[in-house]
N, C-alpha and C. Protein backbone atom coordinates (compact mmCIF):
# COMPACT_ATOMS: atom_id res chain seq x y z
N UNK A 1 0.85 -1.20 0.00
CA UNK A 1 0.00 0.00 0.00
C UNK A 1 0.88 1.25 0.00
N UNK A 2 0.65 2.17 -0.98
CA UNK A 2 1.47 3.36 -1.04
C UNK A 2 1.04 4.34 0.03
N UNK A 3 1.83 5.41 0.18
CA UNK A 3 1.59 6.35 1.27
C UNK A 3 0.24 7.04 1.15
N UNK A 4 -0.15 7.41 -0.09
CA UNK A 4 -1.42 8.10 -0.28
C UNK A 4 -2.59 7.23 0.15
N UNK A 5 -2.57 5.96 -0.27
CA UNK A 5 -3.65 5.05 0.12
C UNK A 5 -3.68 4.85 1.63
N UNK A 6 -2.49 4.80 2.25
CA UNK A 6 -2.43 4.63 3.70
C UNK A 6 -3.04 5.83 4.41
N UNK A 7 -2.76 7.04 3.90
CA UNK A 7 -3.30 8.24 4.52
C UNK A 7 -4.82 8.29 4.41
N UNK A 8 -5.35 7.96 3.22
CA UNK A 8 -6.81 7.95 3.06
C UNK A 8 -7.44 6.89 3.95
N UNK A 9 -6.81 5.73 4.03
CA UNK A 9 -7.33 4.67 4.90
C UNK A 9 -7.29 5.07 6.37
N UNK A 10 -6.24 5.80 6.75
CA UNK A 10 -6.14 6.26 8.13
C UNK A 10 -7.22 7.29 8.45
N UNK A 11 -7.52 8.17 7.49
CA UNK A 11 -8.59 9.15 7.69
C UNK A 11 -9.92 8.45 7.91
N UNK A 12 -10.19 7.42 7.11
CA UNK A 12 -11.42 6.65 7.27
C UNK A 12 -11.43 5.92 8.61
N UNK A 13 -10.26 5.35 8.98
CA UNK A 13 -10.15 4.64 10.25
C UNK A 13 -10.38 5.55 11.44
N UNK A 14 -9.84 6.78 11.37
CA UNK A 14 -10.09 7.74 12.45
C UNK A 14 -11.57 8.11 12.51
N UNK A 15 -12.21 8.13 11.34
CA UNK A 15 -13.66 8.36 11.32
C UNK A 15 -14.40 7.26 12.06
N UNK A 16 -13.98 6.01 11.84
CA UNK A 16 -14.58 4.89 12.56
C UNK A 16 -14.39 5.04 14.06
N UNK A 17 -13.17 5.43 14.46
CA UNK A 17 -12.88 5.62 15.88
C UNK A 17 -13.74 6.72 16.48
N UNK A 18 -13.88 7.83 15.76
CA UNK A 18 -14.71 8.92 16.25
C UNK A 18 -16.17 8.48 16.38
N UNK A 19 -16.63 7.69 15.41
CA UNK A 19 -18.01 7.24 15.44
C UNK A 19 -18.31 6.31 16.59
N UNK A 20 -17.32 5.57 17.06
CA UNK A 20 -17.51 4.65 18.18
C UNK A 20 -17.65 5.38 19.51
N UNK A 21 -17.15 6.61 19.59
CA UNK A 21 -17.20 7.37 20.84
C UNK A 21 -18.63 7.84 21.09
N UNK A 22 -19.26 7.42 22.19
CA UNK A 22 -20.64 7.86 22.45
C UNK A 22 -20.78 9.36 22.58
N UNK A 23 -19.69 10.04 22.96
CA UNK A 23 -19.75 11.50 23.10
C UNK A 23 -19.93 12.20 21.76
N UNK A 24 -19.64 11.51 20.66
CA UNK A 24 -19.80 12.10 19.34
C UNK A 24 -21.22 12.02 18.82
N UNK A 25 -22.12 11.29 19.53
CA UNK A 25 -23.53 11.40 19.15
C UNK A 25 -24.37 10.15 19.07
N UNK A 26 -23.76 8.96 18.93
CA UNK A 26 -24.62 7.79 18.74
C UNK A 26 -25.46 7.50 19.98
N UNK A 27 -24.95 7.80 21.16
CA UNK A 27 -25.71 7.56 22.39
C UNK A 27 -26.95 8.44 22.43
N UNK A 28 -26.79 9.69 22.02
CA UNK A 28 -27.92 10.61 21.98
C UNK A 28 -28.97 10.12 20.99
N UNK A 29 -28.51 9.71 19.78
CA UNK A 29 -29.44 9.25 18.75
C UNK A 29 -30.18 7.99 19.19
N UNK A 30 -29.48 7.07 19.85
CA UNK A 30 -30.12 5.84 20.32
C UNK A 30 -31.15 6.14 21.40
N UNK A 31 -30.80 7.00 22.34
CA UNK A 31 -31.74 7.38 23.39
C UNK A 31 -32.98 8.02 22.81
N UNK A 32 -32.81 8.86 21.79
CA UNK A 32 -33.95 9.50 21.14
C UNK A 32 -34.84 8.46 20.47
N UNK A 33 -34.20 7.48 19.79
CA UNK A 33 -34.97 6.43 19.14
C UNK A 33 -35.74 5.57 20.12
N UNK A 34 -35.11 5.25 21.25
CA UNK A 34 -35.79 4.44 22.26
C UNK A 34 -36.94 5.21 22.89
N UNK A 35 -36.77 6.50 23.07
CA UNK A 35 -37.84 7.30 23.64
C UNK A 35 -39.05 7.36 22.71
N UNK A 36 -38.77 7.51 21.41
CA UNK A 36 -39.87 7.59 20.45
C UNK A 36 -40.35 6.22 20.00
N UNK A 37 -39.56 5.18 20.29
CA UNK A 37 -39.97 3.83 19.94
C UNK A 37 -39.91 3.50 18.48
N UNK A 38 -39.01 4.12 17.75
CA UNK A 38 -38.86 3.83 16.32
C UNK A 38 -37.43 4.05 15.87
N UNK A 39 -36.96 3.14 15.01
CA UNK A 39 -35.58 3.20 14.53
C UNK A 39 -35.35 4.40 13.63
N UNK A 40 -36.43 4.85 12.95
CA UNK A 40 -36.27 6.01 12.07
C UNK A 40 -35.76 7.23 12.82
N UNK A 41 -36.15 7.36 14.07
CA UNK A 41 -35.70 8.51 14.86
C UNK A 41 -34.20 8.45 15.08
N UNK A 42 -33.65 7.24 15.21
CA UNK A 42 -32.20 7.07 15.35
C UNK A 42 -31.49 7.58 14.10
N UNK A 43 -31.96 7.11 12.94
CA UNK A 43 -31.33 7.49 11.67
C UNK A 43 -31.46 8.98 11.41
N UNK A 44 -32.66 9.54 11.66
CA UNK A 44 -32.87 10.96 11.42
C UNK A 44 -31.93 11.81 12.28
N UNK A 45 -31.66 11.37 13.50
CA UNK A 45 -30.78 12.13 14.39
C UNK A 45 -29.32 12.03 13.97
N UNK A 46 -28.95 10.91 13.35
CA UNK A 46 -27.55 10.71 12.98
C UNK A 46 -27.07 11.67 11.90
N UNK A 47 -27.97 12.04 10.98
CA UNK A 47 -27.56 12.90 9.87
C UNK A 47 -27.08 14.27 10.31
N UNK A 48 -27.87 15.02 11.08
CA UNK A 48 -27.36 16.32 11.54
C UNK A 48 -26.15 16.19 12.45
N UNK A 49 -26.08 15.11 13.23
CA UNK A 49 -24.91 14.89 14.07
C UNK A 49 -23.66 14.72 13.20
N UNK A 50 -23.79 13.95 12.12
CA UNK A 50 -22.67 13.75 11.20
C UNK A 50 -22.29 15.06 10.51
N UNK A 51 -23.28 15.87 10.15
CA UNK A 51 -23.01 17.15 9.50
C UNK A 51 -22.25 18.08 10.44
N UNK A 52 -22.67 18.14 11.70
CA UNK A 52 -21.97 18.97 12.67
C UNK A 52 -20.54 18.53 12.88
N UNK A 53 -20.34 17.21 12.94
CA UNK A 53 -18.98 16.67 13.09
C UNK A 53 -18.14 17.02 11.87
N UNK A 54 -18.74 16.87 10.69
CA UNK A 54 -18.01 17.19 9.46
C UNK A 54 -17.60 18.66 9.42
N UNK A 55 -18.45 19.54 9.93
CA UNK A 55 -18.12 20.96 9.95
C UNK A 55 -16.90 21.23 10.83
N UNK A 56 -16.83 20.54 11.97
CA UNK A 56 -15.67 20.71 12.85
C UNK A 56 -14.39 20.20 12.19
N UNK A 57 -14.49 19.07 11.50
CA UNK A 57 -13.33 18.53 10.80
C UNK A 57 -12.95 19.43 9.63
N UNK A 58 -13.96 19.96 8.93
CA UNK A 58 -13.69 20.84 7.79
C UNK A 58 -12.94 22.08 8.23
N UNK A 59 -13.31 22.63 9.38
CA UNK A 59 -12.61 23.81 9.89
C UNK A 59 -11.13 23.52 10.07
N UNK A 60 -10.83 22.37 10.68
CA UNK A 60 -9.42 21.99 10.86
C UNK A 60 -8.75 21.72 9.51
N UNK A 61 -9.48 21.09 8.60
CA UNK A 61 -8.90 20.74 7.30
C UNK A 61 -8.54 21.98 6.49
N UNK A 62 -9.43 22.95 6.44
CA UNK A 62 -9.18 24.14 5.64
C UNK A 62 -8.10 25.02 6.26
N UNK A 63 -8.11 25.14 7.59
CA UNK A 63 -7.06 25.91 8.26
C UNK A 63 -5.70 25.25 8.04
N UNK A 64 -5.66 23.92 8.15
CA UNK A 64 -4.40 23.20 7.93
C UNK A 64 -3.92 23.37 6.50
N UNK A 65 -4.85 23.30 5.54
CA UNK A 65 -4.47 23.46 4.14
C UNK A 65 -3.91 24.86 3.88
N UNK A 66 -4.52 25.88 4.46
CA UNK A 66 -4.04 27.25 4.25
C UNK A 66 -2.68 27.47 4.90
N UNK A 67 -2.52 27.01 6.14
CA UNK A 67 -1.23 27.17 6.82
C UNK A 67 -0.15 26.39 6.10
N UNK A 68 -0.55 25.27 5.49
CA UNK A 68 0.42 24.43 4.80
C UNK A 68 1.12 25.11 3.65
N UNK A 69 0.51 26.15 3.09
CA UNK A 69 1.16 26.88 2.01
C UNK A 69 2.29 27.78 2.52
N UNK A 70 2.31 28.04 3.84
CA UNK A 70 3.29 28.97 4.40
C UNK A 70 4.39 28.27 5.19
N UNK A 71 4.13 27.07 5.68
CA UNK A 71 5.09 26.37 6.53
C UNK A 71 5.50 25.04 5.93
N UNK A 72 6.76 24.62 6.15
CA UNK A 72 7.20 23.30 5.69
C UNK A 72 6.43 22.20 6.42
N UNK A 73 6.27 21.08 5.78
CA UNK A 73 5.51 19.97 6.34
C UNK A 73 6.04 19.53 7.69
N UNK A 74 7.35 19.36 7.80
CA UNK A 74 7.92 18.84 9.05
C UNK A 74 7.69 19.80 10.22
N UNK A 75 7.86 21.10 9.97
CA UNK A 75 7.62 22.07 11.02
C UNK A 75 6.15 22.09 11.43
N UNK A 76 5.26 21.98 10.44
CA UNK A 76 3.83 21.98 10.72
C UNK A 76 3.43 20.73 11.52
N UNK A 77 4.08 19.60 11.22
CA UNK A 77 3.82 18.38 11.98
C UNK A 77 4.22 18.56 13.45
N UNK A 78 5.39 19.16 13.67
CA UNK A 78 5.85 19.38 15.05
C UNK A 78 4.89 20.32 15.78
N UNK A 79 4.52 21.42 15.13
CA UNK A 79 3.61 22.38 15.76
C UNK A 79 2.25 21.75 16.06
N UNK A 80 1.77 20.93 15.11
CA UNK A 80 0.50 20.24 15.33
C UNK A 80 0.60 19.28 16.51
N UNK A 81 1.73 18.57 16.60
CA UNK A 81 1.92 17.65 17.71
C UNK A 81 1.97 18.36 19.05
N UNK A 82 2.63 19.51 19.08
CA UNK A 82 2.70 20.29 20.33
C UNK A 82 1.31 20.75 20.75
N UNK A 83 0.52 21.24 19.78
CA UNK A 83 -0.84 21.67 20.08
C UNK A 83 -1.68 20.49 20.59
N UNK A 84 -1.52 19.33 19.97
CA UNK A 84 -2.26 18.14 20.39
C UNK A 84 -1.91 17.75 21.83
N UNK A 85 -0.62 17.76 22.15
CA UNK A 85 -0.20 17.42 23.51
C UNK A 85 -0.73 18.43 24.52
N UNK A 86 -0.66 19.71 24.16
CA UNK A 86 -1.18 20.74 25.05
C UNK A 86 -2.68 20.60 25.26
N UNK A 87 -3.39 20.32 24.17
CA UNK A 87 -4.85 20.19 24.26
C UNK A 87 -5.24 18.95 25.06
N UNK A 88 -4.54 17.84 24.84
CA UNK A 88 -4.87 16.61 25.57
C UNK A 88 -4.58 16.78 27.06
N UNK A 89 -3.50 17.50 27.40
CA UNK A 89 -3.20 17.77 28.80
C UNK A 89 -4.26 18.64 29.44
N UNK A 90 -4.73 19.64 28.68
CA UNK A 90 -5.79 20.51 29.18
C UNK A 90 -7.09 19.74 29.39
N UNK A 91 -7.41 18.86 28.44
CA UNK A 91 -8.64 18.06 28.59
C UNK A 91 -8.56 17.14 29.79
N UNK A 92 -7.39 16.62 30.05
CA UNK A 92 -7.23 15.70 31.18
C UNK A 92 -7.34 16.44 32.51
N UNK A 93 -6.82 17.67 32.56
CA UNK A 93 -6.80 18.41 33.82
C UNK A 93 -8.06 19.24 34.04
N UNK A 94 -8.58 19.83 32.98
CA UNK A 94 -9.70 20.76 33.14
C UNK A 94 -11.01 20.04 33.44
N UNK A 95 -11.22 18.86 32.78
CA UNK A 95 -12.46 18.11 32.98
C UNK A 95 -13.68 19.03 32.75
N UNK A 96 -13.64 19.82 31.66
CA UNK A 96 -14.75 20.73 31.43
C UNK A 96 -16.01 19.97 31.06
N UNK A 97 -17.14 20.62 31.29
CA UNK A 97 -18.42 19.99 31.01
C UNK A 97 -18.66 19.91 29.51
N UNK A 98 -19.35 18.86 29.10
CA UNK A 98 -19.70 18.71 27.70
C UNK A 98 -20.80 19.70 27.32
N UNK A 99 -20.78 20.14 26.06
CA UNK A 99 -21.91 20.95 25.59
C UNK A 99 -23.20 20.14 25.70
N UNK A 100 -24.30 20.80 26.04
CA UNK A 100 -25.56 20.10 26.21
C UNK A 100 -26.59 20.61 25.22
N UNK A 101 -27.63 19.82 25.02
CA UNK A 101 -28.74 20.24 24.18
C UNK A 101 -30.01 19.60 24.72
N UNK A 102 -31.15 20.13 24.30
CA UNK A 102 -32.41 19.54 24.72
C UNK A 102 -32.56 18.16 24.09
N UNK A 103 -33.23 17.23 24.84
CA UNK A 103 -33.36 15.88 24.32
C UNK A 103 -34.17 15.87 23.03
N UNK A 104 -35.19 16.68 22.96
CA UNK A 104 -35.96 16.80 21.72
C UNK A 104 -35.44 18.03 20.97
N UNK A 105 -34.33 17.87 20.32
CA UNK A 105 -33.69 18.97 19.61
C UNK A 105 -34.03 18.92 18.14
N UNK A 106 -34.01 20.09 17.51
CA UNK A 106 -34.21 20.15 16.06
C UNK A 106 -32.94 19.69 15.36
N UNK A 107 -33.05 19.50 14.05
CA UNK A 107 -31.88 19.07 13.28
C UNK A 107 -30.76 20.11 13.38
N UNK A 108 -31.12 21.38 13.32
CA UNK A 108 -30.12 22.43 13.44
C UNK A 108 -29.43 22.44 14.79
N UNK A 109 -30.21 22.22 15.85
CA UNK A 109 -29.64 22.18 17.19
C UNK A 109 -28.73 20.97 17.37
N UNK A 110 -29.12 19.84 16.78
CA UNK A 110 -28.28 18.64 16.84
C UNK A 110 -26.96 18.87 16.12
N UNK A 111 -27.02 19.51 14.94
CA UNK A 111 -25.80 19.77 14.17
C UNK A 111 -24.88 20.71 14.94
N UNK A 112 -25.45 21.76 15.54
CA UNK A 112 -24.65 22.71 16.31
C UNK A 112 -24.03 22.04 17.52
N UNK A 113 -24.82 21.22 18.21
CA UNK A 113 -24.31 20.48 19.37
C UNK A 113 -23.16 19.55 18.96
N UNK A 114 -23.33 18.86 17.83
CA UNK A 114 -22.29 17.95 17.35
C UNK A 114 -21.02 18.71 17.00
N UNK A 115 -21.17 19.87 16.37
CA UNK A 115 -20.01 20.70 16.04
C UNK A 115 -19.26 21.10 17.31
N UNK A 116 -20.01 21.52 18.33
CA UNK A 116 -19.38 21.91 19.58
C UNK A 116 -18.70 20.73 20.27
N UNK A 117 -19.33 19.57 20.25
CA UNK A 117 -18.76 18.39 20.88
C UNK A 117 -17.46 17.98 20.20
N UNK A 118 -17.48 17.93 18.86
CA UNK A 118 -16.28 17.55 18.12
C UNK A 118 -15.16 18.55 18.35
N UNK A 119 -15.51 19.84 18.39
CA UNK A 119 -14.50 20.87 18.63
C UNK A 119 -13.95 20.79 20.04
N UNK A 120 -14.85 20.61 21.02
CA UNK A 120 -14.43 20.56 22.42
C UNK A 120 -13.56 19.35 22.70
N UNK A 121 -13.77 18.26 21.96
CA UNK A 121 -12.99 17.04 22.17
C UNK A 121 -11.73 17.01 21.29
N UNK A 122 -11.53 18.01 20.46
CA UNK A 122 -10.33 18.05 19.63
C UNK A 122 -10.33 17.06 18.49
N UNK A 123 -11.53 16.75 17.95
CA UNK A 123 -11.61 15.79 16.85
C UNK A 123 -10.84 16.28 15.62
N UNK A 124 -10.97 17.59 15.33
CA UNK A 124 -10.25 18.13 14.19
C UNK A 124 -8.75 18.11 14.40
N UNK A 125 -8.31 18.38 15.64
CA UNK A 125 -6.88 18.33 15.95
C UNK A 125 -6.33 16.92 15.77
N UNK A 126 -7.13 15.92 16.14
CA UNK A 126 -6.67 14.54 16.01
C UNK A 126 -6.42 14.17 14.55
N UNK A 127 -7.22 14.74 13.66
CA UNK A 127 -7.09 14.45 12.23
C UNK A 127 -6.00 15.30 11.58
N UNK A 128 -5.65 16.42 12.22
CA UNK A 128 -4.74 17.39 11.60
C UNK A 128 -3.42 16.82 11.10
N UNK A 129 -2.72 15.94 11.86
CA UNK A 129 -1.45 15.42 11.33
C UNK A 129 -1.60 14.71 9.99
N UNK A 130 -2.70 13.97 9.81
CA UNK A 130 -2.94 13.33 8.51
C UNK A 130 -3.19 14.37 7.44
N UNK A 131 -3.92 15.42 7.79
CA UNK A 131 -4.18 16.48 6.83
C UNK A 131 -2.89 17.21 6.44
N UNK A 132 -1.99 17.36 7.41
CA UNK A 132 -0.70 17.98 7.12
C UNK A 132 0.07 17.13 6.11
N UNK A 133 0.10 15.83 6.35
CA UNK A 133 0.83 14.93 5.45
C UNK A 133 0.23 14.92 4.05
N UNK A 134 -1.07 15.17 3.94
CA UNK A 134 -1.74 15.13 2.64
C UNK A 134 -1.81 16.51 1.99
N UNK A 135 -1.56 17.56 2.77
CA UNK A 135 -1.84 18.91 2.32
C UNK A 135 -0.77 19.56 1.48
N UNK A 136 -0.97 20.82 1.15
CA UNK A 136 -0.05 21.56 0.28
C UNK A 136 1.32 21.76 0.90
N UNK A 137 1.46 21.54 2.21
CA UNK A 137 2.78 21.69 2.82
C UNK A 137 3.77 20.68 2.28
N UNK A 138 3.26 19.56 1.73
CA UNK A 138 4.16 18.55 1.19
C UNK A 138 5.00 19.10 0.05
N UNK A 139 4.53 20.16 -0.58
CA UNK A 139 5.30 20.74 -1.68
C UNK A 139 6.63 21.32 -1.20
N UNK A 140 6.69 21.76 0.05
CA UNK A 140 7.91 22.39 0.56
C UNK A 140 9.06 21.40 0.66
N UNK A 141 8.74 20.12 0.70
CA UNK A 141 9.78 19.09 0.80
C UNK A 141 10.41 18.82 -0.56
N UNK A 142 9.82 19.38 -1.63
CA UNK A 142 10.31 19.12 -2.99
C UNK A 142 10.32 20.45 -3.75
N UNK A 143 11.22 21.33 -3.38
CA UNK A 143 11.24 22.66 -3.99
C UNK A 143 11.49 22.59 -5.49
N UNK A 144 12.21 21.56 -5.93
CA UNK A 144 12.51 21.47 -7.35
C UNK A 144 11.30 21.04 -8.17
N UNK A 145 10.20 20.66 -7.52
CA UNK A 145 9.01 20.25 -8.25
C UNK A 145 7.86 21.23 -8.05
N UNK A 146 8.15 22.42 -7.53
CA UNK A 146 7.10 23.37 -7.21
C UNK A 146 6.35 23.84 -8.45
N UNK A 147 6.98 23.71 -9.63
CA UNK A 147 6.31 24.18 -10.82
C UNK A 147 5.23 23.22 -11.28
N UNK A 148 5.21 22.00 -10.74
CA UNK A 148 4.20 21.02 -11.12
C UNK A 148 2.87 21.36 -10.44
N UNK A 149 1.77 20.98 -11.08
CA UNK A 149 0.45 21.21 -10.50
C UNK A 149 0.31 20.38 -9.23
N UNK A 150 -0.30 20.93 -8.17
CA UNK A 150 -0.46 20.20 -6.93
C UNK A 150 -1.39 19.00 -7.09
N UNK A 151 -1.14 17.97 -6.31
CA UNK A 151 -2.00 16.81 -6.35
C UNK A 151 -3.31 17.13 -5.66
N UNK A 152 -4.26 16.21 -5.75
CA UNK A 152 -5.58 16.44 -5.16
C UNK A 152 -5.48 16.63 -3.65
N UNK A 153 -4.46 15.95 -3.02
CA UNK A 153 -4.30 16.08 -1.58
C UNK A 153 -3.67 17.40 -1.20
N UNK A 154 -3.17 18.19 -2.17
CA UNK A 154 -2.53 19.47 -1.89
C UNK A 154 -3.44 20.64 -2.24
N UNK A 155 -4.71 20.40 -2.33
CA UNK A 155 -5.65 21.46 -2.71
C UNK A 155 -6.83 21.50 -1.76
N UNK A 156 -7.61 22.53 -1.87
CA UNK A 156 -8.83 22.62 -1.07
C UNK A 156 -9.78 21.49 -1.41
N UNK A 157 -9.76 21.04 -2.67
CA UNK A 157 -10.57 19.90 -3.05
C UNK A 157 -10.13 18.67 -2.26
N UNK A 158 -8.81 18.54 -2.09
CA UNK A 158 -8.29 17.43 -1.30
C UNK A 158 -8.77 17.49 0.14
N UNK A 159 -8.78 18.71 0.70
CA UNK A 159 -9.26 18.88 2.08
C UNK A 159 -10.73 18.52 2.18
N UNK A 160 -11.51 18.91 1.16
CA UNK A 160 -12.94 18.59 1.16
C UNK A 160 -13.16 17.08 1.09
N UNK A 161 -12.40 16.42 0.21
CA UNK A 161 -12.52 14.97 0.09
C UNK A 161 -12.09 14.27 1.38
N UNK A 162 -11.09 14.83 2.04
CA UNK A 162 -10.65 14.26 3.32
C UNK A 162 -11.77 14.31 4.34
N UNK A 163 -12.51 15.42 4.37
CA UNK A 163 -13.65 15.55 5.29
C UNK A 163 -14.72 14.52 4.95
N UNK A 164 -14.98 14.34 3.67
CA UNK A 164 -16.01 13.39 3.24
C UNK A 164 -15.63 11.98 3.63
N UNK A 165 -14.37 11.59 3.38
CA UNK A 165 -13.91 10.23 3.71
C UNK A 165 -13.97 10.00 5.22
N UNK A 166 -13.49 10.96 5.98
CA UNK A 166 -13.51 10.83 7.43
C UNK A 166 -14.94 10.73 7.96
N UNK A 167 -15.81 11.59 7.46
CA UNK A 167 -17.20 11.60 7.93
C UNK A 167 -17.92 10.32 7.54
N UNK A 168 -17.59 9.76 6.39
CA UNK A 168 -18.20 8.49 5.98
C UNK A 168 -17.86 7.38 6.97
N UNK A 169 -16.59 7.33 7.39
CA UNK A 169 -16.20 6.34 8.39
C UNK A 169 -16.89 6.58 9.71
N UNK A 170 -16.98 7.85 10.12
CA UNK A 170 -17.63 8.20 11.38
C UNK A 170 -19.10 7.81 11.35
N UNK A 171 -19.79 8.12 10.25
CA UNK A 171 -21.21 7.82 10.13
C UNK A 171 -21.46 6.32 10.12
N UNK A 172 -20.60 5.57 9.42
CA UNK A 172 -20.77 4.12 9.36
C UNK A 172 -20.68 3.49 10.74
N UNK A 173 -19.66 3.88 11.51
CA UNK A 173 -19.50 3.33 12.85
C UNK A 173 -20.61 3.77 13.77
N UNK A 174 -20.96 5.05 13.70
CA UNK A 174 -21.99 5.61 14.56
C UNK A 174 -23.35 4.95 14.29
N UNK A 175 -23.69 4.77 13.02
CA UNK A 175 -24.97 4.16 12.67
C UNK A 175 -25.01 2.69 13.11
N UNK A 176 -23.91 1.98 12.88
CA UNK A 176 -23.87 0.56 13.21
C UNK A 176 -24.06 0.34 14.71
N UNK A 177 -23.31 1.06 15.52
CA UNK A 177 -23.40 0.83 16.96
C UNK A 177 -24.71 1.36 17.53
N UNK A 178 -25.22 2.47 16.98
CA UNK A 178 -26.50 3.01 17.45
C UNK A 178 -27.63 2.02 17.20
N UNK A 179 -27.65 1.41 16.02
CA UNK A 179 -28.71 0.47 15.69
C UNK A 179 -28.56 -0.85 16.44
N UNK A 180 -27.32 -1.26 16.68
CA UNK A 180 -27.10 -2.48 17.47
C UNK A 180 -27.61 -2.28 18.89
N UNK A 181 -27.26 -1.15 19.47
CA UNK A 181 -27.74 -0.87 20.83
C UNK A 181 -29.26 -0.75 20.84
N UNK A 182 -29.83 -0.14 19.81
CA UNK A 182 -31.28 0.05 19.75
C UNK A 182 -32.01 -1.28 19.63
N UNK A 183 -31.56 -2.13 18.70
CA UNK A 183 -32.28 -3.37 18.42
C UNK A 183 -31.90 -4.53 19.34
N UNK A 184 -30.64 -4.60 19.77
CA UNK A 184 -30.15 -5.80 20.45
C UNK A 184 -29.82 -5.56 21.92
N UNK A 185 -29.02 -4.54 22.18
CA UNK A 185 -28.44 -4.38 23.51
C UNK A 185 -29.32 -3.57 24.45
N UNK A 186 -29.71 -2.38 24.01
CA UNK A 186 -30.46 -1.48 24.88
C UNK A 186 -29.52 -0.67 25.76
N UNK A 187 -29.99 0.48 26.20
CA UNK A 187 -29.13 1.38 26.97
C UNK A 187 -28.83 0.85 28.37
N UNK A 188 -29.62 -0.09 28.85
CA UNK A 188 -29.43 -0.59 30.21
C UNK A 188 -28.06 -1.23 30.40
N UNK A 189 -27.57 -1.92 29.36
CA UNK A 189 -26.27 -2.61 29.49
C UNK A 189 -25.13 -1.62 29.66
N UNK A 190 -25.31 -0.38 29.17
CA UNK A 190 -24.25 0.61 29.28
C UNK A 190 -23.99 0.99 30.74
N UNK A 191 -24.98 0.81 31.59
CA UNK A 191 -24.79 1.09 33.00
C UNK A 191 -23.94 -0.01 33.67
N UNK A 192 -23.94 -1.21 33.09
CA UNK A 192 -23.21 -2.33 33.67
C UNK A 192 -21.86 -2.56 33.01
N UNK A 193 -21.70 -2.09 31.76
CA UNK A 193 -20.45 -2.35 31.02
C UNK A 193 -20.00 -1.07 30.33
N UNK A 194 -19.67 -0.06 31.13
CA UNK A 194 -19.28 1.24 30.58
C UNK A 194 -17.77 1.36 30.54
N UNK A 195 -17.25 1.88 29.45
CA UNK A 195 -15.83 2.14 29.29
C UNK A 195 -15.59 3.63 29.40
N UNK A 196 -14.51 4.00 30.07
CA UNK A 196 -14.17 5.42 30.20
C UNK A 196 -13.62 5.92 28.86
N UNK A 197 -14.54 6.30 27.97
CA UNK A 197 -14.13 6.71 26.62
C UNK A 197 -13.36 8.02 26.64
N UNK A 198 -13.63 8.88 27.62
CA UNK A 198 -12.90 10.14 27.71
C UNK A 198 -11.40 9.88 27.91
N UNK A 199 -11.07 8.93 28.77
CA UNK A 199 -9.67 8.60 29.01
C UNK A 199 -9.03 8.00 27.76
N UNK A 200 -9.76 7.12 27.08
CA UNK A 200 -9.26 6.54 25.83
C UNK A 200 -9.03 7.63 24.80
N UNK A 201 -9.98 8.57 24.70
CA UNK A 201 -9.89 9.65 23.73
C UNK A 201 -8.67 10.52 23.97
N UNK A 202 -8.46 10.92 25.23
CA UNK A 202 -7.32 11.77 25.57
C UNK A 202 -6.02 11.04 25.31
N UNK A 203 -5.99 9.74 25.60
CA UNK A 203 -4.79 8.94 25.35
C UNK A 203 -4.44 8.93 23.86
N UNK A 204 -5.46 8.73 23.02
CA UNK A 204 -5.22 8.73 21.57
C UNK A 204 -4.79 10.11 21.10
N UNK A 205 -5.37 11.17 21.65
CA UNK A 205 -4.95 12.53 21.31
C UNK A 205 -3.46 12.72 21.60
N UNK A 206 -3.05 12.30 22.81
CA UNK A 206 -1.65 12.46 23.21
C UNK A 206 -0.73 11.62 22.33
N UNK A 207 -1.14 10.37 22.04
CA UNK A 207 -0.31 9.50 21.19
C UNK A 207 -0.17 10.09 19.79
N UNK A 208 -1.25 10.65 19.26
CA UNK A 208 -1.19 11.28 17.95
C UNK A 208 -0.23 12.45 17.96
N UNK A 209 -0.25 13.24 19.04
CA UNK A 209 0.67 14.35 19.16
C UNK A 209 2.12 13.91 19.18
N UNK A 210 2.41 12.84 19.95
CA UNK A 210 3.78 12.32 20.04
C UNK A 210 4.24 11.82 18.68
N UNK A 211 3.36 11.10 17.97
CA UNK A 211 3.72 10.57 16.65
C UNK A 211 3.98 11.72 15.67
N UNK A 212 3.12 12.75 15.71
CA UNK A 212 3.30 13.90 14.81
C UNK A 212 4.63 14.59 15.06
N UNK A 213 4.96 14.80 16.34
CA UNK A 213 6.24 15.43 16.66
C UNK A 213 7.40 14.56 16.21
N UNK A 214 7.28 13.26 16.46
CA UNK A 214 8.35 12.34 16.05
C UNK A 214 8.58 12.36 14.56
N UNK A 215 7.49 12.32 13.78
CA UNK A 215 7.62 12.34 12.32
C UNK A 215 8.21 13.66 11.83
N UNK A 216 7.77 14.75 12.47
CA UNK A 216 8.29 16.06 12.06
C UNK A 216 9.77 16.19 12.35
N UNK A 217 10.19 15.80 13.54
CA UNK A 217 11.61 15.87 13.91
C UNK A 217 12.45 14.93 13.05
N UNK A 218 11.92 13.75 12.78
CA UNK A 218 12.61 12.78 11.93
C UNK A 218 12.84 13.35 10.52
N UNK A 219 11.81 14.04 10.00
CA UNK A 219 11.93 14.61 8.67
C UNK A 219 12.90 15.78 8.60
N UNK A 220 13.10 16.45 9.74
CA UNK A 220 14.05 17.56 9.78
C UNK A 220 15.50 17.09 9.84
N UNK A 221 15.67 15.83 10.26
CA UNK A 221 17.03 15.31 10.43
C UNK A 221 17.73 15.01 9.13
């Protein structure tokens, strides 16, 4: 598997990971479906949640793409890693409250809530190192090829496609687990078999930061 395919696969895989986190929305959608007694309510809730998450990722993607035109890839990787480590440390120490919304929320309110949740949890930051590797900053590593047209991963179109691929993975995981809990498991089991997803999330954030810094420093050597 070449590097480009690996990066796209990793973006999709991170989407799956984000979708598995109940804080990203599937728990809310399942609870709504159980309250209304119909699976359609689960699916209807998932769409605005996915849109809000995609907006948070898009913000990180476009900012990363723009900064990538001004900074070398390796330096941007190091800076991204430092921000990730700082953010994960803050999340671990601050223990701030999650954004809340009414249980019977409109589609717009669900999308806004999802955007805030993804932003507050650093979902876009977690994806940023992959976006850096795929973005226009890669051109700085090959100054003698700057006259060539940028690849799809070095353009705003590339950033948009990255958001779509990531969100597709997130939606697939979120829908699968929400419907499994709705039809098979039920919310009651979550009280008996709960995993501290916040701790897992912060750990992955920190690991991503360390890897980004390592790759950036390695590339500078």
